[in-house]
Amino acid sequence: MAVTLDDIKALRTKTGAGMSDCKKALTEAEGDFEKAIEIIRKKGLAVAAKRSDREASEGCVLVKVDGNFGAIIALKCETDFVANNKDFIALTQSILDAAVAAKAKSLDEVKALPMDGKTVADIVLERTGIVGEKLELDGYNYLEAPEIASYNHQGKNFLCCLVAFNKEVSDKEYVHEIALQAQNPIAVKPEEVPADIVAREKEIAADKAREEGKPENMIERIAEGRMKKFYDESCLLNQKYIVDEKKTVAEYLKALDKDLTVTAFRRFTLKSE
């Protein structure tokens, strides 16, 4: 059976595969459309298996907020050539759109979502065969809150942040500034810093004081003082507000509304910390 250009275009629309791959699949399947789709899917499986030990360190990270729900997702690949491809970015956006629409609460939920008659996981697998690189979904985070702000760092699609607030805010730009700030904190406030990190930082502060020759009976007090500096640098509400360093983030928010505060944040980056 002869393969027509219309058949090739229809398969490309259905799978997203390149024209040559669609032609080869249709020829191998003797014009059977469903068999051709399966051939393309199996090609993705073969590429995925072959490249399973490769590191997918590049990719596209996107963030989206819809009302009281926001999410971040990363579609990772091996090279920046693929990461910067407009079709790859569009695929990441489509997956994120589906996740936000469904208010998905986990990466497994996202992978199982229906999209274009298949699951998200199947679509990613098919794209693996098309681009010839290891692809994987990663970094899925979400927040639900009365107000959510988001930030895509410099619009470069490698670091995204979400920040949740305890109440709705009329001035969205005001809270967007906090999403821009939330690129490097480890907790919202000191009491939320994980215990192992607190213990490690106290030990570092104490060891440094001893190296400086401080009296042993003063070590604990000096370490506590240095922990305050650590919290001020590492906790979002304690940090100096990036636009006006005379204020902390907490003080900046209270200037708008005395009851306004951050309740949570999420971030994901492809770059090493």
C-alpha atoms as a PDB file:
ATOM      1  CA  MET A   1       0.000   0.000   0.000  1.00  0.00           C
ATOM      2  CA  ALA A   2       1.403   3.369  -1.055  1.00  0.00           C
ATOM      3  CA  VAL A   3       1.971   5.890   1.730  1.00  0.00           C
ATOM      4  CA  THR A   4       0.538   9.309   0.909  1.00  0.00           C
ATOM      5  CA  LEU A   5       1.690  12.715   2.113  1.00  0.00           C
ATOM      6  CA  ASP A   6      -1.685  13.181   3.800  1.00  0.00           C
ATOM      7  CA  ASP A   7      -1.141   9.939   5.737  1.00  0.00           C
ATOM      8  CA  ILE A   8       2.290  11.103   6.855  1.00  0.00           C
ATOM      9  CA  LYS A   9       0.937  14.483   7.950  1.00  0.00           C
ATOM     10  CA  ALA A  10      -1.926  12.832   9.839  1.00  0.00           C
ATOM     11  CA  LEU A  11       0.487  10.550  11.716  1.00  0.00           C
ATOM     12  CA  ARG A  12       2.752  13.487  12.488  1.00  0.00           C
ATOM     13  CA  THR A  13      -0.211  15.400  13.914  1.00  0.00           C
ATOM     14  CA  LYS A  14      -1.184  12.383  16.016  1.00  0.00           C
ATOM     15  CA  THR A  15       2.270  11.555  17.383  1.00  0.00           C
ATOM     16  CA  GLY A  16       4.428  14.643  16.991  1.00  0.00           C
ATOM     17  CA  ALA A  17       7.078  12.526  15.261  1.00  0.00           C
ATOM     18  CA  GLY A  18       9.127  13.889  12.365  1.00  0.00           C
ATOM     19  CA  MET A  19       7.971  13.481   8.783  1.00  0.00           C
ATOM     20  CA  SER A  20      10.686  10.937   7.950  1.00  0.00           C
ATOM     21  CA  ASP A  21       9.931   8.868  11.057  1.00  0.00           C
ATOM     22  CA  CYS A  22       6.226   8.892  10.191  1.00  0.00           C
ATOM     23  CA  LYS A  23       6.931   7.809   6.629  1.00  0.00           C
ATOM     24  CA  LYS A  24       9.164   4.952   7.810  1.00  0.00           C
ATOM     25  CA  ALA A  25       6.579   3.820  10.379  1.00  0.00           C
ATOM     26  CA  LEU A  26       3.715   3.867   7.868  1.00  0.00           C
ATOM     27  CA  THR A  27       5.802   2.018   5.294  1.00  0.00           C
ATOM     28  CA  GLU A  28       6.768  -0.645   7.838  1.00  0.00           C
ATOM     29  CA  ALA A  29       3.149  -0.930   8.945  1.00  0.00           C
ATOM     30  CA  GLU A  30       1.983  -1.164   5.319  1.00  0.00           C
ATOM     31  CA  GLY A  31      -0.267   1.823   5.779  1.00  0.00           C
ATOM     32  CA  ASP A  32      -1.917   0.603   8.999  1.00  0.00           C
ATOM     33  CA  PHE A  33      -2.259   3.788  11.064  1.00  0.00           C
ATOM     34  CA  GLU A  34      -2.524   2.121  14.485  1.00  0.00           C
ATOM     35  CA  LYS A  35       0.449  -0.153  13.786  1.00  0.00           C
ATOM     36  CA  ALA A  36       2.462   2.890  12.722  1.00  0.00           C
ATOM     37  CA  ILE A  37       1.661   4.602  16.030  1.00  0.00           C
ATOM     38  CA  GLU A  38       2.827   1.494  17.891  1.00  0.00           C
ATOM     39  CA  ILE A  39       6.076   1.435  15.880  1.00  0.00           C
ATOM     40  CA  ILE A  40       6.798   5.024  16.870  1.00  0.00           C
ATOM     41  CA  ARG A  41       5.956   4.254  20.503  1.00  0.00           C
ATOM     42  CA  LYS A  42       8.297   1.229  20.490  1.00  0.00           C
ATOM     43  CA  LYS A  43      11.038   3.353  19.004  1.00  0.00           C
ATOM     44  CA  GLY A  44      10.657   5.619  22.025  1.00  0.00           C
ATOM     45  CA  LEU A  45      10.947   2.590  24.323  1.00  0.00           C
ATOM     46  CA  ALA A  46      14.074   1.424  22.527  1.00  0.00           C
ATOM     47  CA  VAL A  47      15.732   4.826  22.764  1.00  0.00           C
ATOM     48  CA  ALA A  48      14.720   5.143  26.419  1.00  0.00           C
ATOM     49  CA  ALA A  49      16.226   1.739  27.239  1.00  0.00           C
ATOM     50  CA  LYS A  50      19.409   2.449  25.295  1.00  0.00           C
ATOM     51  CA  ARG A  51      19.966   5.791  26.996  1.00  0.00           C
ATOM     52  CA  SER A  52      18.693   4.904  30.482  1.00  0.00           C
ATOM     53  CA  ASP A  53      22.135   5.432  32.011  1.00  0.00           C
ATOM     54  CA  ARG A  54      22.506   8.917  30.513  1.00  0.00           C
ATOM     55  CA  GLU A  55      22.127  11.988  32.689  1.00  0.00           C
ATOM     56  CA  ALA A  56      19.197  14.238  31.811  1.00  0.00           C
ATOM     57  CA  SER A  57      20.598  17.443  33.289  1.00  0.00           C
ATOM     58  CA  GLU A  58      19.160  19.965  30.821  1.00  0.00           C
ATOM     59  CA  GLY A  59      15.490  20.650  30.199  1.00  0.00           C
ATOM     60  CA  CYS A  60      12.608  23.047  30.568  1.00  0.00           C
ATOM     61  CA  VAL A  61      11.127  24.166  33.891  1.00  0.00           C
ATOM     62  CA  LEU A  62       7.798  26.017  33.772  1.00  0.00           C
ATOM     63  CA  VAL A  63       5.377  27.399  36.347  1.00  0.00           C
ATOM     64  CA  LYS A  64       1.673  28.219  36.127  1.00  0.00           C
ATOM     65  CA  VAL A  65      -0.967  29.595  38.491  1.00  0.00           C
ATOM     66  CA  ASP A  66      -4.706  29.260  37.936  1.00  0.00           C
ATOM     67  CA  GLY A  67      -6.745  30.826  40.717  1.00  0.00           C
ATOM     68  CA  ASN A  68      -5.877  29.156  44.007  1.00  0.00           C
ATOM     69  CA  PHE A  69      -3.741  26.413  42.456  1.00  0.00           C
ATOM     70  CA  GLY A  70      -0.219  26.656  41.121  1.00  0.00           C
ATOM     71  CA  ALA A  71       2.313  24.120  39.886  1.00  0.00           C
ATOM     72  CA  ILE A  72       5.868  23.729  38.620  1.00  0.00           C
ATOM     73  CA  ILE A  73       7.069  20.971  36.332  1.00  0.00           C
ATOM     74  CA  ALA A  74      10.345  20.077  34.625  1.00  0.00           C
ATOM     75  CA  LEU A  75      10.723  18.062  31.455  1.00  0.00           C
ATOM     76  CA  LYS A  76      14.372  17.052  31.427  1.00  0.00           C
ATOM     77  CA  CYS A  77      16.604  16.077  28.517  1.00  0.00           C
ATOM     78  CA  GLU A  78      20.300  15.586  27.789  1.00  0.00           C
ATOM     79  CA  THR A  79      21.242  18.697  25.783  1.00  0.00           C
ATOM     80  CA  ASP A  80      20.406  22.375  25.735  1.00  0.00           C
ATOM     81  CA  PHE A  81      19.773  22.026  21.988  1.00  0.00           C
ATOM     82  CA  VAL A  82      16.660  19.957  22.735  1.00  0.00           C
ATOM     83  CA  ALA A  83      15.797  22.021  25.844  1.00  0.00           C
ATOM     84  CA  ASN A  84      15.609  25.216  23.790  1.00  0.00           C
ATOM     85  CA  ASN A  85      13.569  23.688  20.987  1.00  0.00           C
ATOM     86  CA  LYS A  86      10.187  25.409  20.703  1.00  0.00           C
ATOM     87  CA  ASP A  87       8.330  22.099  20.316  1.00  0.00           C
ATOM     88  CA  PHE A  88       9.974  20.746  23.472  1.00  0.00           C
ATOM     89  CA  ILE A  89       8.979  23.877  25.408  1.00  0.00           C
ATOM     90  CA  ALA A  90       5.459  23.637  23.997  1.00  0.00           C
ATOM     91  CA  LEU A  91       5.210  20.014  25.125  1.00  0.00           C
ATOM     92  CA  THR A  92       6.313  20.991  28.645  1.00  0.00           C
ATOM     93  CA  GLN A  93       3.692  23.741  28.679  1.00  0.00           C
ATOM     94  CA  SER A  94       0.968  21.352  27.497  1.00  0.00           C
ATOM     95  CA  ILE A  95       1.828  18.887  30.269  1.00  0.00           C
ATOM     96  CA  LEU A  96       1.808  21.671  32.856  1.00  0.00           C
ATOM     97  CA  ASP A  97      -1.535  22.966  31.538  1.00  0.00           C
ATOM     98  CA  ALA A  98      -3.027  19.484  31.926  1.00  0.00           C
ATOM     99  CA  ALA A  99      -1.593  19.112  35.441  1.00  0.00           C
ATOM    100  CA  VAL A 100      -2.971  22.463  36.605  1.00  0.00           C
ATOM    101  CA  ALA A 101      -6.376  21.841  35.000  1.00  0.00           C
ATOM    102  CA  ALA A 102      -6.584  18.500  36.845  1.00  0.00           C
ATOM    103  CA  LYS A 103      -5.094  19.962  40.063  1.00  0.00           C
ATOM    104  CA  ALA A 104      -2.698  17.007  40.112  1.00  0.00           C
ATOM    105  CA  LYS A 105      -1.096  16.339  43.491  1.00  0.00           C
ATOM    106  CA  SER A 106       1.824  14.126  42.442  1.00  0.00           C
ATOM    107  CA  LEU A 107       4.125  13.350  39.542  1.00  0.00           C
ATOM    108  CA  ASP A 108       2.484   9.926  39.148  1.00  0.00           C
ATOM    109  CA  GLU A 109      -0.879  11.652  38.709  1.00  0.00           C
ATOM    110  CA  VAL A 110       0.625  13.907  36.051  1.00  0.00           C
ATOM    111  CA  LYS A 111       2.100  10.971  34.145  1.00  0.00           C
ATOM    112  CA  ALA A 112      -1.281   9.228  34.114  1.00  0.00           C
ATOM    113  CA  LEU A 113      -3.220  12.252  32.836  1.00  0.00           C
ATOM    114  CA  PRO A 114      -4.947  11.829  29.453  1.00  0.00           C
ATOM    115  CA  MET A 115      -3.618  14.055  26.691  1.00  0.00           C
ATOM    116  CA  ASP A 116      -4.379  13.789  22.987  1.00  0.00           C
ATOM    117  CA  GLY A 117      -5.852  10.321  23.426  1.00  0.00           C
ATOM    118  CA  LYS A 118      -2.826   8.962  25.312  1.00  0.00           C
ATOM    119  CA  THR A 119      -1.268   9.400  28.725  1.00  0.00           C
ATOM    120  CA  VAL A 120       1.336  12.041  29.437  1.00  0.00           C
ATOM    121  CA  ALA A 121       3.848   9.253  30.123  1.00  0.00           C
ATOM    122  CA  ASP A 122       3.220   7.727  26.679  1.00  0.00           C
ATOM    123  CA  ILE A 123       3.633  11.105  24.989  1.00  0.00           C
ATOM    124  CA  VAL A 124       6.967  11.700  26.723  1.00  0.00           C
ATOM    125  CA  LEU A 125       8.058   8.215  25.687  1.00  0.00           C
ATOM    126  CA  GLU A 126       7.122   8.874  22.074  1.00  0.00           C
ATOM    127  CA  ARG A 127       9.049  12.149  22.120  1.00  0.00           C
ATOM    128  CA  THR A 128      12.080  10.236  23.409  1.00  0.00           C
ATOM    129  CA  GLY A 129      12.122   8.300  20.165  1.00  0.00           C
ATOM    130  CA  ILE A 130      11.722  11.483  18.142  1.00  0.00           C
ATOM    131  CA  VAL A 131      14.531  13.519  19.709  1.00  0.00           C
ATOM    132  CA  GLY A 132      16.837  10.546  20.362  1.00  0.00           C
ATOM    133  CA  GLU A 133      17.626  11.642  23.924  1.00  0.00           C
ATOM    134  CA  LYS A 134      16.669  10.480  27.380  1.00  0.00           C
ATOM    135  CA  LEU A 135      13.634  12.465  28.553  1.00  0.00           C
ATOM    136  CA  GLU A 136      12.097  12.417  31.998  1.00  0.00           C
ATOM    137  CA  LEU A 137       9.480  14.341  33.916  1.00  0.00           C
ATOM    138  CA  ASP A 138      10.736  15.656  37.228  1.00  0.00           C
ATOM    139  CA  GLY A 139      10.387  18.445  39.759  1.00  0.00           C
ATOM    140  CA  TYR A 140       6.609  18.460  40.029  1.00  0.00           C
ATOM    141  CA  ASN A 141       5.513  20.750  42.857  1.00  0.00           C
ATOM    142  CA  TYR A 142       2.179  22.347  43.602  1.00  0.00           C
ATOM    143  CA  LEU A 143       0.577  24.754  46.068  1.00  0.00           C
ATOM    144  CA  GLU A 144      -3.017  25.562  46.959  1.00  0.00           C
ATOM    145  CA  ALA A 145      -3.709  28.818  48.797  1.00  0.00           C
ATOM    146  CA  PRO A 146      -5.921  31.930  48.796  1.00  0.00           C
ATOM    147  CA  GLU A 147      -3.152  33.758  46.894  1.00  0.00           C
ATOM    148  CA  ILE A 148      -0.239  32.323  44.898  1.00  0.00           C
ATOM    149  CA  ALA A 149       2.558  34.173  43.143  1.00  0.00           C
ATOM    150  CA  SER A 150       4.950  32.666  40.609  1.00  0.00           C
ATOM    151  CA  TYR A 151       8.271  33.472  38.999  1.00  0.00           C
ATOM    152  CA  ASN A 152      10.260  32.040  36.088  1.00  0.00           C
ATOM    153  CA  HIS A 153      13.827  33.273  36.617  1.00  0.00           C
ATOM    154  CA  GLN A 154      14.672  35.673  33.778  1.00  0.00           C
ATOM    155  CA  GLY A 155      12.220  33.733  31.598  1.00  0.00           C
ATOM    156  CA  LYS A 156      14.999  31.218  30.925  1.00  0.00           C
ATOM    157  CA  ASN A 157      12.996  28.102  31.943  1.00  0.00           C
ATOM    158  CA  PHE A 158      15.590  26.651  34.324  1.00  0.00           C
ATOM    159  CA  LEU A 159      14.431  27.908  37.745  1.00  0.00           C
ATOM    160  CA  CYS A 160      10.839  28.533  38.820  1.00  0.00           C
ATOM    161  CA  CYS A 161       9.256  29.496  42.130  1.00  0.00           C
ATOM    162  CA  LEU A 162       5.797  29.440  43.706  1.00  0.00           C
ATOM    163  CA  VAL A 163       4.866  31.312  46.879  1.00  0.00           C
ATOM    164  CA  ALA A 164       1.616  30.845  48.824  1.00  0.00           C
ATOM    165  CA  PHE A 165       0.017  33.532  50.990  1.00  0.00           C
ATOM    166  CA  ASN A 166      -2.569  33.254  53.737  1.00  0.00           C
ATOM    167  CA  LYS A 167      -5.047  35.641  52.121  1.00  0.00           C
ATOM    168  CA  GLU A 168      -5.998  37.107  48.768  1.00  0.00           C
ATOM    169  CA  VAL A 169      -4.158  40.240  47.660  1.00  0.00           C
ATOM    170  CA  SER A 170      -5.522  42.829  45.238  1.00  0.00           C
ATOM    171  CA  ASP A 171      -2.085  44.074  44.138  1.00  0.00           C
ATOM    172  CA  LYS A 172      -0.625  41.026  42.372  1.00  0.00           C
ATOM    173  CA  GLU A 173       2.642  42.784  41.564  1.00  0.00           C
ATOM    174  CA  TYR A 174       3.209  43.294  45.288  1.00  0.00           C
ATOM    175  CA  VAL A 175       3.294  39.568  45.979  1.00  0.00           C
ATOM    176  CA  HIS A 176       5.062  38.778  42.700  1.00  0.00           C
ATOM    177  CA  GLU A 177       8.096  40.503  44.205  1.00  0.00           C
ATOM    178  CA  ILE A 178       8.191  37.791  46.890  1.00  0.00           C
ATOM    179  CA  ALA A 179       8.144  35.036  44.270  1.00  0.00           C
ATOM    180  CA  LEU A 180      11.118  36.762  42.668  1.00  0.00           C
ATOM    181  CA  GLN A 181      12.826  36.759  46.081  1.00  0.00           C
ATOM    182  CA  ALA A 182      12.124  33.075  46.775  1.00  0.00           C
ATOM    183  CA  GLN A 183      15.003  31.722  44.702  1.00  0.00           C
ATOM    184  CA  ASN A 184      17.271  30.566  47.522  1.00  0.00           C
ATOM    185  CA  PRO A 185      15.574  30.173  50.958  1.00  0.00           C
ATOM    186  CA  ILE A 186      15.405  26.795  52.673  1.00  0.00           C
ATOM    187  CA  ALA A 187      12.330  27.525  54.809  1.00  0.00           C
ATOM    188  CA  VAL A 188       9.619  30.128  55.357  1.00  0.00           C
ATOM    189  CA  LYS A 189      10.651  30.798  58.984  1.00  0.00           C
ATOM    190  CA  PRO A 190      13.285  29.510  61.452  1.00  0.00           C
ATOM    191  CA  GLU A 191      11.078  26.951  63.165  1.00  0.00           C
ATOM    192  CA  GLU A 192      10.525  25.229  59.811  1.00  0.00           C
ATOM    193  CA  VAL A 193      14.210  24.638  59.077  1.00  0.00           C
ATOM    194  CA  PRO A 194      14.839  20.847  59.161  1.00  0.00           C
ATOM    195  CA  ALA A 195      16.421  19.672  62.414  1.00  0.00           C
ATOM    196  CA  ASP A 196      19.418  18.087  60.687  1.00  0.00           C
ATOM    197  CA  ILE A 197      20.273  21.381  58.983  1.00  0.00           C
ATOM    198  CA  VAL A 198      19.959  23.271  62.284  1.00  0.00           C
ATOM    199  CA  ALA A 199      22.261  20.770  64.005  1.00  0.00           C
ATOM    200  CA  ARG A 200      24.800  20.944  61.180  1.00  0.00           C
ATOM    201  CA  GLU A 201      24.869  24.752  61.115  1.00  0.00           C
ATOM    202  CA  LYS A 202      25.205  24.975  64.916  1.00  0.00           C
ATOM    203  CA  GLU A 203      28.143  22.585  64.783  1.00  0.00           C
ATOM    204  CA  ILE A 204      29.788  24.620  62.018  1.00  0.00           C
ATOM    205  CA  ALA A 205      29.279  27.849  63.982  1.00  0.00           C
ATOM    206  CA  ALA A 206      30.704  26.311  67.169  1.00  0.00           C
ATOM    207  CA  ASP A 207      33.723  24.844  65.351  1.00  0.00           C
ATOM    208  CA  LYS A 208      34.454  28.187  63.741  1.00  0.00           C
ATOM    209  CA  ALA A 209      34.322  29.936  67.124  1.00  0.00           C
ATOM    210  CA  ARG A 210      36.804  27.403  68.552  1.00  0.00           C
ATOM    211  CA  GLU A 211      39.118  27.907  65.574  1.00  0.00           C
ATOM    212  CA  GLU A 212      39.036  31.637  66.325  1.00  0.00           C
ATOM    213  CA  GLY A 213      40.204  30.890  69.854  1.00  0.00           C
ATOM    214  CA  LYS A 214      37.000  31.914  71.638  1.00  0.00           C
ATOM    215  CA  PRO A 215      36.652  30.764  75.287  1.00  0.00           C
ATOM    216  CA  GLU A 216      34.775  27.465  75.627  1.00  0.00           C
ATOM    217  CA  ASN A 217      32.209  28.992  77.987  1.00  0.00           C
ATOM    218  CA  MET A 218      31.238  31.477  75.236  1.00  0.00           C
ATOM    219  CA  ILE A 219      31.039  29.004  72.339  1.00  0.00           C
ATOM    220  CA  GLU A 220      27.340  28.215  72.700  1.00  0.00           C
ATOM    221  CA  ARG A 221      26.313  31.871  72.903  1.00  0.00           C
ATOM    222  CA  ILE A 222      28.477  32.786  69.901  1.00  0.00           C
ATOM    223  CA  ALA A 223      27.021  29.875  67.919  1.00  0.00           C
ATOM    224  CA  GLU A 224      23.482  31.018  68.727  1.00  0.00           C
ATOM    225  CA  GLY A 225      24.320  34.506  67.499  1.00  0.00           C
ATOM    226  CA  ARG A 226      25.626  33.102  64.243  1.00  0.00           C
ATOM    227  CA  MET A 227      22.516  30.969  63.874  1.00  0.00           C
ATOM    228  CA  LYS A 228      20.445  34.152  63.902  1.00  0.00           C
ATOM    229  CA  LYS A 229      22.461  35.369  60.907  1.00  0.00           C
ATOM    230  CA  PHE A 230      21.925  31.982  59.239  1.00  0.00           C
ATOM    231  CA  TYR A 231      18.147  32.240  59.742  1.00  0.00           C
ATOM    232  CA  ASP A 232      18.111  35.818  58.445  1.00  0.00           C
ATOM    233  CA  GLU A 233      19.817  34.650  55.264  1.00  0.00           C
ATOM    234  CA  SER A 234      18.018  31.337  54.795  1.00  0.00           C
ATOM    235  CA  CYS A 235      14.401  31.890  55.895  1.00  0.00           C
ATOM    236  CA  LEU A 236      12.161  33.739  53.466  1.00  0.00           C
ATOM    237  CA  LEU A 237      10.324  35.932  55.975  1.00  0.00           C
ATOM    238  CA  ASN A 238      13.580  36.857  57.719  1.00  0.00           C
ATOM    239  CA  GLN A 239      15.466  37.757  54.554  1.00  0.00           C
ATOM    240  CA  LYS A 240      16.140  41.365  53.610  1.00  0.00           C
ATOM    241  CA  TYR A 241      13.651  42.409  50.966  1.00  0.00           C
ATOM    242  CA  ILE A 242      15.579  42.596  47.675  1.00  0.00           C
ATOM    243  CA  VAL A 243      14.122  45.967  46.623  1.00  0.00           C
ATOM    244  CA  ASP A 244      14.527  47.678  50.015  1.00  0.00           C
ATOM    245  CA  GLU A 245      17.100  46.031  52.284  1.00  0.00           C
ATOM    246  CA  LYS A 246      16.031  48.210  55.210  1.00  0.00           C
ATOM    247  CA  LYS A 247      13.018  45.889  55.505  1.00  0.00           C
ATOM    248  CA  THR A 248      12.650  42.165  55.935  1.00  0.00           C
ATOM    249  CA  VAL A 249      10.202  40.303  53.732  1.00  0.00           C
ATOM    250  CA  ALA A 250       7.853  40.014  56.730  1.00  0.00           C
ATOM    251  CA  GLU A 251       7.969  43.786  57.256  1.00  0.00           C
ATOM    252  CA  TYR A 252       7.412  44.412  53.560  1.00  0.00           C
ATOM    253  CA  LEU A 253       4.249  42.288  53.599  1.00  0.00           C
ATOM    254  CA  LYS A 254       2.902  43.878  56.764  1.00  0.00           C
ATOM    255  CA  ALA A 255       3.218  47.305  55.141  1.00  0.00           C
ATOM    256  CA  LEU A 256       0.501  46.172  52.728  1.00  0.00           C
ATOM    257  CA  ASP A 257      -1.588  44.220  55.229  1.00  0.00           C
ATOM    258  CA  LYS A 258      -0.670  43.621  58.869  1.00  0.00           C
ATOM    259  CA  ASP A 259      -2.048  40.064  58.664  1.00  0.00           C
ATOM    260  CA  LEU A 260      -0.448  39.101  55.341  1.00  0.00           C
ATOM    261  CA  THR A 261       2.248  36.415  55.435  1.00  0.00           C
ATOM    262  CA  VAL A 262       3.811  33.616  53.433  1.00  0.00           C
ATOM    263  CA  THR A 263       2.577  30.118  54.272  1.00  0.00           C
ATOM    264  CA  ALA A 264       4.704  28.046  51.886  1.00  0.00           C
ATOM    265  CA  PHE A 265       6.953  28.167  48.860  1.00  0.00           C
ATOM    266  CA  ARG A 266       8.167  25.730  46.227  1.00  0.00           C
ATOM    267  CA  ARG A 267      11.083  26.011  43.842  1.00  0.00           C
ATOM    268  CA  PHE A 268      12.817  23.824  41.284  1.00  0.00           C
ATOM    269  CA  THR A 269      16.036  24.420  39.399  1.00  0.00           C
ATOM    270  CA  LEU A 270      18.065  22.500  36.851  1.00  0.00           C
ATOM    271  CA  LYS A 271      21.239  24.274  37.888  1.00  0.00           C
ATOM    272  CA  SER A 272      23.521  23.047  40.642  1.00  0.00           C
ATOM    273  CA  GLU A 273      23.013  24.877  43.923  1.00  0.00           C
END
